[in-house]
Every structure is written in C-alpha cells, then in structure tokens.
Amino acid sequence: MTIVKRFIAGAVCPRCGEMDTLKMYRDESREYRECVRCDFSDSMALDGSDQPEGELDTRVNRGGKVELEPAQPLNFVANPGSTKH
C-alpha cells in the first residue's frame, strides 16, 4: 500500500507556529500529522478515541527566559499646518 502524504492548507503547526508546514497521511487505523519545519508529529485513531498524553510542548509553554529588544517610543505630532482640531 502506497502512503500519500498531503499538506493541510492554512494549518499552523502547534509547536513552531509556522503556517502551511503540516502534512497528514493515514493507514488502516490511524491518522498522522507531521511538520516539515520542526520535529512535531502526532497521531490519532480514526475513531477519535485517543487523548493526548500530557501537555504538548509548544513555543508558548517552553521554559526559559525570553529576551525582548528595547522598544523605541514613537511621538506623534499633529500637522502644524492643519486648521482642524
């Protein structure tokens, strides 16, 4: 049996957050998803009976300190030539 892997249009990977990188395929009893950018993969029984084991490791809930770049404030000045207030 040849397995045909198809991309899921518009799908966002739950691990890396990239759009249009998930592909899916099936066998007789399971449906599989894989991301082509990161190492994410999962599967589910076709009858929907599987429940995820624990929390999925995503870019949001990973541990570690997040480094933010300092933000520069923007000052908006009204057009001095304008007569409307």
PDB file of N, CA and C in Angstrom:
ATOM      1  N   MET A   1       0.833  -1.185   0.000  1.00  0.00           N
ATOM      2  CA  MET A   1       0.000   0.000   0.000  1.00  0.00           C
ATOM      3  C   MET A   1       0.875   1.244   0.000  1.00  0.00           C
ATOM      4  N   THR A   2       0.636   2.139  -0.921  1.00  0.00           N
ATOM      5  CA  THR A   2       1.388   3.383  -1.014  1.00  0.00           C
ATOM      6  C   THR A   2       0.756   4.433  -0.111  1.00  0.00           C
ATOM      7  N   ILE A   3       1.581   5.078   0.696  1.00  0.00           N
ATOM      8  CA  ILE A   3       1.088   6.129   1.586  1.00  0.00           C
ATOM      9  C   ILE A   3       1.222   7.465   0.868  1.00  0.00           C
ATOM     10  N   VAL A   4       0.119   8.203   0.792  1.00  0.00           N
ATOM     11  CA  VAL A   4       0.110   9.521   0.167  1.00  0.00           C
ATOM     12  C   VAL A   4       0.066  10.560   1.275  1.00  0.00           C
ATOM     13  N   LYS A   5       1.103  11.409   1.332  1.00  0.00           N
ATOM     14  CA  LYS A   5       1.153  12.482   2.324  1.00  0.00           C
ATOM     15  C   LYS A   5       0.702  13.770   1.654  1.00  0.00           C
ATOM     16  N   ARG A   6      -0.230  14.482   2.323  1.00  0.00           N
ATOM     17  CA  ARG A   6      -0.784  15.709   1.763  1.00  0.00           C
ATOM     18  C   ARG A   6      -0.620  16.847   2.750  1.00  0.00           C
ATOM     19  N   PHE A   7      -0.337  18.046   2.222  1.00  0.00           N
ATOM     20  CA  PHE A   7      -0.246  19.223   3.071  1.00  0.00           C
ATOM     21  C   PHE A   7      -1.648  19.689   3.450  1.00  0.00           C
ATOM     22  N   ILE A   8      -1.781  20.234   4.653  1.00  0.00           N
ATOM     23  CA  ILE A   8      -3.045  20.767   5.145  1.00  0.00           C
ATOM     24  C   ILE A   8      -2.997  22.278   4.935  1.00  0.00           C
ATOM     25  N   ALA A   9      -3.749  22.795   3.976  1.00  0.00           N
ATOM     26  CA  ALA A   9      -3.715  24.218   3.634  1.00  0.00           C
ATOM     27  C   ALA A   9      -4.206  25.069   4.801  1.00  0.00           C
ATOM     28  N   GLY A  10      -3.413  26.063   5.156  1.00  0.00           N
ATOM     29  CA  GLY A  10      -3.788  27.004   6.199  1.00  0.00           C
ATOM     30  C   GLY A  10      -3.560  26.524   7.613  1.00  0.00           C
ATOM     31  N   ALA A  11      -3.105  25.292   7.791  1.00  0.00           N
ATOM     32  CA  ALA A  11      -2.882  24.758   9.138  1.00  0.00           C
ATOM     33  C   ALA A  11      -1.606  25.342   9.726  1.00  0.00           C
ATOM     34  N   VAL A  12      -1.635  25.602  11.035  1.00  0.00           N
ATOM     35  CA  VAL A  12      -0.492  26.146  11.766  1.00  0.00           C
ATOM     36  C   VAL A  12       0.060  25.059  12.674  1.00  0.00           C
ATOM     37  N   CYS A  13       1.355  24.853  12.632  1.00  0.00           N
ATOM     38  CA  CYS A  13       1.992  23.841  13.482  1.00  0.00           C
ATOM     39  C   CYS A  13       1.862  24.262  14.939  1.00  0.00           C
ATOM     40  N   PRO A  14       1.396  23.372  15.814  1.00  0.00           N
ATOM     41  CA  PRO A  14       1.266  23.727  17.228  1.00  0.00           C
ATOM     42  C   PRO A  14       2.606  23.900  17.935  1.00  0.00           C
ATOM     43  N   ARG A  15       3.672  23.393  17.384  1.00  0.00           N
ATOM     44  CA  ARG A  15       4.971  23.525  18.046  1.00  0.00           C
ATOM     45  C   ARG A  15       5.733  24.761  17.584  1.00  0.00           C
ATOM     46  N   CYS A  16       5.941  24.928  16.276  1.00  0.00           N
ATOM     47  CA  CYS A  16       6.773  26.041  15.800  1.00  0.00           C
ATOM     48  C   CYS A  16       5.958  27.256  15.350  1.00  0.00           C
ATOM     49  N   GLY A  17       4.648  27.091  15.148  1.00  0.00           N
ATOM     50  CA  GLY A  17       3.792  28.210  14.779  1.00  0.00           C
ATOM     51  C   GLY A  17       3.837  28.600  13.316  1.00  0.00           C
ATOM     52  N   GLU A  18       4.511  27.821  12.480  1.00  0.00           N
ATOM     53  CA  GLU A  18       4.590  28.123  11.047  1.00  0.00           C
ATOM     54  C   GLU A  18       3.330  27.637  10.324  1.00  0.00           C
ATOM     55  N   MET A  19       2.868  28.435   9.385  1.00  0.00           N
ATOM     56  CA  MET A  19       1.681  28.072   8.616  1.00  0.00           C
ATOM     57  C   MET A  19       2.078  27.280   7.375  1.00  0.00           C
ATOM     58  N   ASP A  20       1.214  26.390   6.958  1.00  0.00           N
ATOM     59  CA  ASP A  20       1.373  25.578   5.742  1.00  0.00           C
ATOM     60  C   ASP A  20       2.602  24.670   5.781  1.00  0.00           C
ATOM     61  N   THR A  21       2.926  24.129   6.959  1.00  0.00           N
ATOM     62  CA  THR A  21       4.048  23.197   7.065  1.00  0.00           C
ATOM     63  C   THR A  21       3.600  21.816   7.532  1.00  0.00           C
ATOM     64  N   LEU A  22       2.306  21.632   7.810  1.00  0.00           N
ATOM     65  CA  LEU A  22       1.807  20.346   8.280  1.00  0.00           C
ATOM     66  C   LEU A  22       1.363  19.468   7.116  1.00  0.00           C
ATOM     67  N   LYS A  23       1.754  18.217   7.178  1.00  0.00           N
ATOM     68  CA  LYS A  23       1.262  17.241   6.213  1.00  0.00           C
ATOM     69  C   LYS A  23       0.600  16.106   6.985  1.00  0.00           C
ATOM     70  N   MET A  24      -0.353  15.454   6.365  1.00  0.00           N
ATOM     71  CA  MET A  24      -1.069  14.364   7.027  1.00  0.00           C
ATOM     72  C   MET A  24      -1.149  13.162   6.112  1.00  0.00           C
ATOM     73  N   TYR A  25      -1.291  12.008   6.729  1.00  0.00           N
ATOM     74  CA  TYR A  25      -1.484  10.757   5.996  1.00  0.00           C
ATOM     75  C   TYR A  25      -2.188   9.773   6.905  1.00  0.00           C
ATOM     76  N   ARG A  26      -2.728   8.720   6.325  1.00  0.00           N
ATOM     77  CA  ARG A  26      -3.495   7.706   7.065  1.00  0.00           C
ATOM     78  C   ARG A  26      -2.995   6.318   6.741  1.00  0.00           C
ATOM     79  N   ASP A  27      -3.224   5.417   7.696  1.00  0.00           N
ATOM     80  CA  ASP A  27      -3.125   3.990   7.394  1.00  0.00           C
ATOM     81  C   ASP A  27      -4.485   3.392   7.740  1.00  0.00           C
ATOM     82  N   GLU A  28      -4.580   2.104   7.939  1.00  0.00           N
ATOM     83  CA  GLU A  28      -5.887   1.481   8.165  1.00  0.00           C
ATOM     84  C   GLU A  28      -6.545   1.915   9.468  1.00  0.00           C
ATOM     85  N   SER A  29      -5.756   2.266  10.480  1.00  0.00           N
ATOM     86  CA  SER A  29      -6.343   2.537  11.789  1.00  0.00           C
ATOM     87  C   SER A  29      -6.014   3.905  12.373  1.00  0.00           C
ATOM     88  N   ARG A  30      -5.042   4.620  11.825  1.00  0.00           N
ATOM     89  CA  ARG A  30      -4.603   5.879  12.425  1.00  0.00           C
ATOM     90  C   ARG A  30      -4.451   6.977  11.378  1.00  0.00           C
ATOM     91  N   GLU A  31      -4.510   8.225  11.853  1.00  0.00           N
ATOM     92  CA  GLU A  31      -4.253   9.400  11.040  1.00  0.00           C
ATOM     93  C   GLU A  31      -3.051  10.113  11.655  1.00  0.00           C
ATOM     94  N   TYR A  32      -2.095  10.532  10.844  1.00  0.00           N
ATOM     95  CA  TYR A  32      -0.850  11.113  11.335  1.00  0.00           C
ATOM     96  C   TYR A  32      -0.694  12.534  10.813  1.00  0.00           C
ATOM     97  N   ARG A  33      -0.064  13.403  11.649  1.00  0.00           N
ATOM     98  CA  ARG A  33       0.309  14.756  11.233  1.00  0.00           C
ATOM     99  C   ARG A  33       1.796  14.931  11.500  1.00  0.00           C
ATOM    100  N   GLU A  34       2.488  15.620  10.579  1.00  0.00           N
ATOM    101  CA  GLU A  34       3.916  15.898  10.736  1.00  0.00           C
ATOM    102  C   GLU A  34       4.193  17.310  10.233  1.00  0.00           C
ATOM    103  N   CYS A  35       5.135  17.991  10.886  1.00  0.00           N
ATOM    104  CA  CYS A  35       5.575  19.303  10.427  1.00  0.00           C
ATOM    105  C   CYS A  35       6.892  19.134   9.674  1.00  0.00           C
ATOM    106  N   VAL A  36       7.023  19.814   8.534  1.00  0.00           N
ATOM    107  CA  VAL A  36       8.248  19.710   7.750  1.00  0.00           C
ATOM    108  C   VAL A  36       9.326  20.686   8.236  1.00  0.00           C
ATOM    109  N   ARG A  37       9.004  21.608   9.143  1.00  0.00           N
ATOM    110  CA  ARG A  37       9.973  22.575   9.661  1.00  0.00           C
ATOM    111  C   ARG A  37      10.591  22.131  10.978  1.00  0.00           C
ATOM    112  N   CYS A  38       9.792  21.558  11.857  1.00  0.00           N
ATOM    113  CA  CYS A  38      10.313  21.130  13.158  1.00  0.00           C
ATOM    114  C   CYS A  38      10.050  19.630  13.307  1.00  0.00           C
ATOM    115  N   ASP A  39      10.309  19.087  14.472  1.00  0.00           N
ATOM    116  CA  ASP A  39      10.163  17.636  14.659  1.00  0.00           C
ATOM    117  C   ASP A  39       8.793  17.247  15.213  1.00  0.00           C
ATOM    118  N   PHE A  40       7.792  18.106  15.083  1.00  0.00           N
ATOM    119  CA  PHE A  40       6.458  17.805  15.593  1.00  0.00           C
ATOM    120  C   PHE A  40       5.814  16.680  14.794  1.00  0.00           C
ATOM    121  N   SER A  41       5.199  15.756  15.501  1.00  0.00           N
ATOM    122  CA  SER A  41       4.363  14.729  14.879  1.00  0.00           C
ATOM    123  C   SER A  41       3.394  14.213  15.920  1.00  0.00           C
ATOM    124  N   ASP A  42       2.217  13.836  15.496  1.00  0.00           N
ATOM    125  CA  ASP A  42       1.257  13.188  16.377  1.00  0.00           C
ATOM    126  C   ASP A  42       0.360  12.289  15.542  1.00  0.00           C
ATOM    127  N   SER A  43      -0.421  11.484  16.237  1.00  0.00           N
ATOM    128  CA  SER A  43      -1.333  10.587  15.545  1.00  0.00           C
ATOM    129  C   SER A  43      -2.608  10.451  16.356  1.00  0.00           C
ATOM    130  N   MET A  44      -3.636   9.981  15.684  1.00  0.00           N
ATOM    131  CA  MET A  44      -4.931   9.828  16.324  1.00  0.00           C
ATOM    132  C   MET A  44      -5.635   8.644  15.676  1.00  0.00           C
ATOM    133  N   ALA A  45      -6.333   7.874  16.494  1.00  0.00           N
ATOM    134  CA  ALA A  45      -7.119   6.766  15.959  1.00  0.00           C
ATOM    135  C   ALA A  45      -8.243   7.346  15.103  1.00  0.00           C
ATOM    136  N   LEU A  46      -8.597   6.663  14.048  1.00  0.00           N
ATOM    137  CA  LEU A  46      -9.629   7.168  13.148  1.00  0.00           C
ATOM    138  C   LEU A  46     -10.995   7.268  13.815  1.00  0.00           C
ATOM    139  N   ASP A  47     -11.200   6.507  14.884  1.00  0.00           N
ATOM    140  CA  ASP A  47     -12.475   6.622  15.596  1.00  0.00           C
ATOM    141  C   ASP A  47     -12.459   7.749  16.624  1.00  0.00           C
ATOM    142  N   GLY A  48     -11.326   8.479  16.754  1.00  0.00           N
ATOM    143  CA  GLY A  48     -11.239   9.622  17.659  1.00  0.00           C
ATOM    144  C   GLY A  48     -11.056   9.258  19.114  1.00  0.00           C
ATOM    145  N   SER A  49     -10.676   8.032  19.422  1.00  0.00           N
ATOM    146  CA  SER A  49     -10.608   7.590  20.815  1.00  0.00           C
ATOM    147  C   SER A  49      -9.347   8.018  21.554  1.00  0.00           C
ATOM    148  N   ASP A  50      -8.292   8.428  20.851  1.00  0.00           N
ATOM    149  CA  ASP A  50      -7.048   8.814  21.523  1.00  0.00           C
ATOM    150  C   ASP A  50      -7.178  10.164  22.209  1.00  0.00           C
ATOM    151  N   GLN A  51      -6.582  10.276  23.359  1.00  0.00           N
ATOM    152  CA  GLN A  51      -6.466  11.536  24.076  1.00  0.00           C
ATOM    153  C   GLN A  51      -4.982  11.860  24.178  1.00  0.00           C
ATOM    154  N   PRO A  52      -4.590  13.133  24.084  1.00  0.00           N
ATOM    155  CA  PRO A  52      -3.178  13.463  24.189  1.00  0.00           C
ATOM    156  C   PRO A  52      -2.633  13.113  25.572  1.00  0.00           C
ATOM    157  N   GLU A  53      -1.379  12.677  25.592  1.00  0.00           N
ATOM    158  CA  GLU A  53      -0.732  12.335  26.857  1.00  0.00           C
ATOM    159  C   GLU A  53       0.007  13.558  27.370  1.00  0.00           C
ATOM    160  N   GLY A  54      -0.531  14.202  28.404  1.00  0.00           N
ATOM    161  CA  GLY A  54       0.110  15.386  28.960  1.00  0.00           C
ATOM    162  C   GLY A  54      -0.067  16.588  28.044  1.00  0.00           C
ATOM    163  N   GLU A  55       0.631  17.639  28.374  1.00  0.00           N
ATOM    164  CA  GLU A  55       0.536  18.861  27.594  1.00  0.00           C
ATOM    165  C   GLU A  55       1.555  18.844  26.468  1.00  0.00           C
ATOM    166  N   LEU A  56       1.154  19.285  25.292  1.00  0.00           N
ATOM    167  CA  LEU A  56       2.025  19.341  24.134  1.00  0.00           C
ATOM    168  C   LEU A  56       3.042  20.454  24.335  1.00  0.00           C
ATOM    169  N   ASP A  57       4.323  20.177  24.081  1.00  0.00           N
ATOM    170  CA  ASP A  57       5.374  21.172  24.191  1.00  0.00           C
ATOM    171  C   ASP A  57       5.273  22.109  22.996  1.00  0.00           C
ATOM    172  N   THR A  58       4.955  23.381  23.254  1.00  0.00           N
ATOM    173  CA  THR A  58       4.791  24.359  22.189  1.00  0.00           C
ATOM    174  C   THR A  58       5.754  25.521  22.396  1.00  0.00           C
ATOM    175  N   ARG A  59       5.783  26.440  21.446  1.00  0.00           N
ATOM    176  CA  ARG A  59       6.662  27.601  21.566  1.00  0.00           C
ATOM    177  C   ARG A  59       6.206  28.524  22.696  1.00  0.00           C
ATOM    178  N   VAL A  60       4.958  28.406  23.130  1.00  0.00           N
ATOM    179  CA  VAL A  60       4.423  29.276  24.169  1.00  0.00           C
ATOM    180  C   VAL A  60       4.752  28.764  25.569  1.00  0.00           C
ATOM    181  N   ASN A  61       4.665  27.456  25.790  1.00  0.00           N
ATOM    182  CA  ASN A  61       4.828  26.945  27.143  1.00  0.00           C
ATOM    183  C   ASN A  61       6.213  26.382  27.434  1.00  0.00           C
ATOM    184  N   ARG A  62       7.166  26.540  26.535  1.00  0.00           N
ATOM    185  CA  ARG A  62       8.531  26.087  26.805  1.00  0.00           C
ATOM    186  C   ARG A  62       9.145  26.968  27.879  1.00  0.00           C
ATOM    187  N   GLY A  63       9.968  26.350  28.713  1.00  0.00           N
ATOM    188  CA  GLY A  63      10.649  27.106  29.759  1.00  0.00           C
ATOM    189  C   GLY A  63      11.742  27.973  29.179  1.00  0.00           C
ATOM    190  N   GLY A  64      12.283  28.811  30.015  1.00  0.00           N
ATOM    191  CA  GLY A  64      13.388  29.660  29.580  1.00  0.00           C
ATOM    192  C   GLY A  64      13.003  31.120  29.583  1.00  0.00           C
ATOM    193  N   LYS A  65      14.026  31.951  29.654  1.00  0.00           N
ATOM    194  CA  LYS A  65      13.818  33.385  29.685  1.00  0.00           C
ATOM    195  C   LYS A  65      13.674  33.920  28.264  1.00  0.00           C
ATOM    196  N   VAL A  66      12.736  34.824  28.068  1.00  0.00           N
ATOM    197  CA  VAL A  66      12.516  35.437  26.768  1.00  0.00           C
ATOM    198  C   VAL A  66      13.229  36.783  26.754  1.00  0.00           C
ATOM    199  N   GLU A  67      14.110  36.963  25.788  1.00  0.00           N
ATOM    200  CA  GLU A  67      14.835  38.221  25.647  1.00  0.00           C
ATOM    201  C   GLU A  67      14.072  39.127  24.680  1.00  0.00           C
ATOM    202  N   LEU A  68      13.694  40.305  25.141  1.00  0.00           N
ATOM    203  CA  LEU A  68      12.996  41.268  24.304  1.00  0.00           C
ATOM    204  C   LEU A  68      13.935  42.412  23.964  1.00  0.00           C
ATOM    205  N   GLU A  69      13.850  42.884  22.734  1.00  0.00           N
ATOM    206  CA  GLU A  69      14.644  44.036  22.343  1.00  0.00           C
ATOM    207  C   GLU A  69      14.010  45.289  22.924  1.00  0.00           C
ATOM    208  N   PRO A  70      14.831  46.263  23.323  1.00  0.00           N
ATOM    209  CA  PRO A  70      14.247  47.505  23.859  1.00  0.00           C
ATOM    210  C   PRO A  70      13.429  48.210  22.788  1.00  0.00           C
ATOM    211  N   ALA A  71      12.282  48.710  23.183  1.00  0.00           N
ATOM    212  CA  ALA A  71      11.378  49.386  22.245  1.00  0.00           C
ATOM    213  C   ALA A  71      11.652  50.876  22.249  1.00  0.00           C
ATOM    214  N   GLN A  72      11.566  51.495  21.089  1.00  0.00           N
ATOM    215  CA  GLN A  72      11.750  52.936  20.989  1.00  0.00           C
ATOM    216  C   GLN A  72      10.371  53.583  20.934  1.00  0.00           C
ATOM    217  N   PRO A  73      10.111  54.554  21.822  1.00  0.00           N
ATOM    218  CA  PRO A  73       8.786  55.189  21.804  1.00  0.00           C
ATOM    219  C   PRO A  73       8.596  56.021  20.537  1.00  0.00           C
ATOM    220  N   LEU A  74       7.366  56.076  20.085  1.00  0.00           N
ATOM    221  CA  LEU A  74       7.014  56.892  18.927  1.00  0.00           C
ATOM    222  C   LEU A  74       6.257  58.118  19.395  1.00  0.00           C
ATOM    223  N   ASN A  75       6.647  59.283  18.896  1.00  0.00           N
ATOM    224  CA  ASN A  75       5.966  60.531  19.235  1.00  0.00           C
ATOM    225  C   ASN A  75       5.197  61.001  18.015  1.00  0.00           C
ATOM    226  N   PHE A  76       3.899  61.153  18.165  1.00  0.00           N
ATOM    227  CA  PHE A  76       3.059  61.633  17.085  1.00  0.00           C
ATOM    228  C   PHE A  76       2.778  63.106  17.327  1.00  0.00           C
ATOM    229  N   VAL A  77       3.109  63.930  16.339  1.00  0.00           N
ATOM    230  CA  VAL A  77       2.901  65.372  16.440  1.00  0.00           C
ATOM    231  C   VAL A  77       1.869  65.747  15.391  1.00  0.00           C
ATOM    232  N   ALA A  78       0.889  66.549  15.813  1.00  0.00           N
ATOM    233  CA  ALA A  78      -0.141  66.995  14.873  1.00  0.00           C
ATOM    234  C   ALA A  78       0.490  67.834  13.777  1.00  0.00           C
ATOM    235  N   ASN A  79      -0.098  67.782  12.596  1.00  0.00           N
ATOM    236  CA  ASN A  79       0.397  68.563  11.461  1.00  0.00           C
ATOM    237  C   ASN A  79       0.295  70.047  11.809  1.00  0.00           C
ATOM    238  N   PRO A  80       1.414  70.774  11.879  1.00  0.00           N
ATOM    239  CA  PRO A  80       1.338  72.184  12.280  1.00  0.00           C
ATOM    240  C   PRO A  80       0.590  73.059  11.268  1.00  0.00           C
ATOM    241  N   GLY A  81       0.465  72.626  10.031  1.00  0.00           N
ATOM    242  CA  GLY A  81      -0.245  73.419   9.024  1.00  0.00           C
ATOM    243  C   GLY A  81      -1.725  73.149   8.985  1.00  0.00           C
ATOM    244  N   SER A  82      -2.217  72.245   9.805  1.00  0.00           N
ATOM    245  CA  SER A  82      -3.622  71.872   9.788  1.00  0.00           C
ATOM    246  C   SER A  82      -4.452  72.881  10.577  1.00  0.00           C
ATOM    247  N   THR A  83      -5.643  73.204  10.070  1.00  0.00           N
ATOM    248  CA  THR A  83      -6.521  74.141  10.770  1.00  0.00           C
ATOM    249  C   THR A  83      -7.586  73.420  11.552  1.00  0.00           C
ATOM    250  N   LYS A  84      -7.734  72.102  11.370  1.00  0.00           N
ATOM    251  CA  LYS A  84      -8.733  71.332  12.100  1.00  0.00           C
ATOM    252  C   LYS A  84      -8.136  70.888  13.428  1.00  0.00           C
ATOM    253  N   HIS A  85      -8.979  70.793  14.434  1.00  0.00           N
ATOM    254  CA  HIS A  85      -8.551  70.313  15.751  1.00  0.00           C
ATOM    255  C   HIS A  85      -9.350  69.139  16.160  1.00  0.00           C
TER     256      HIS A  85
END
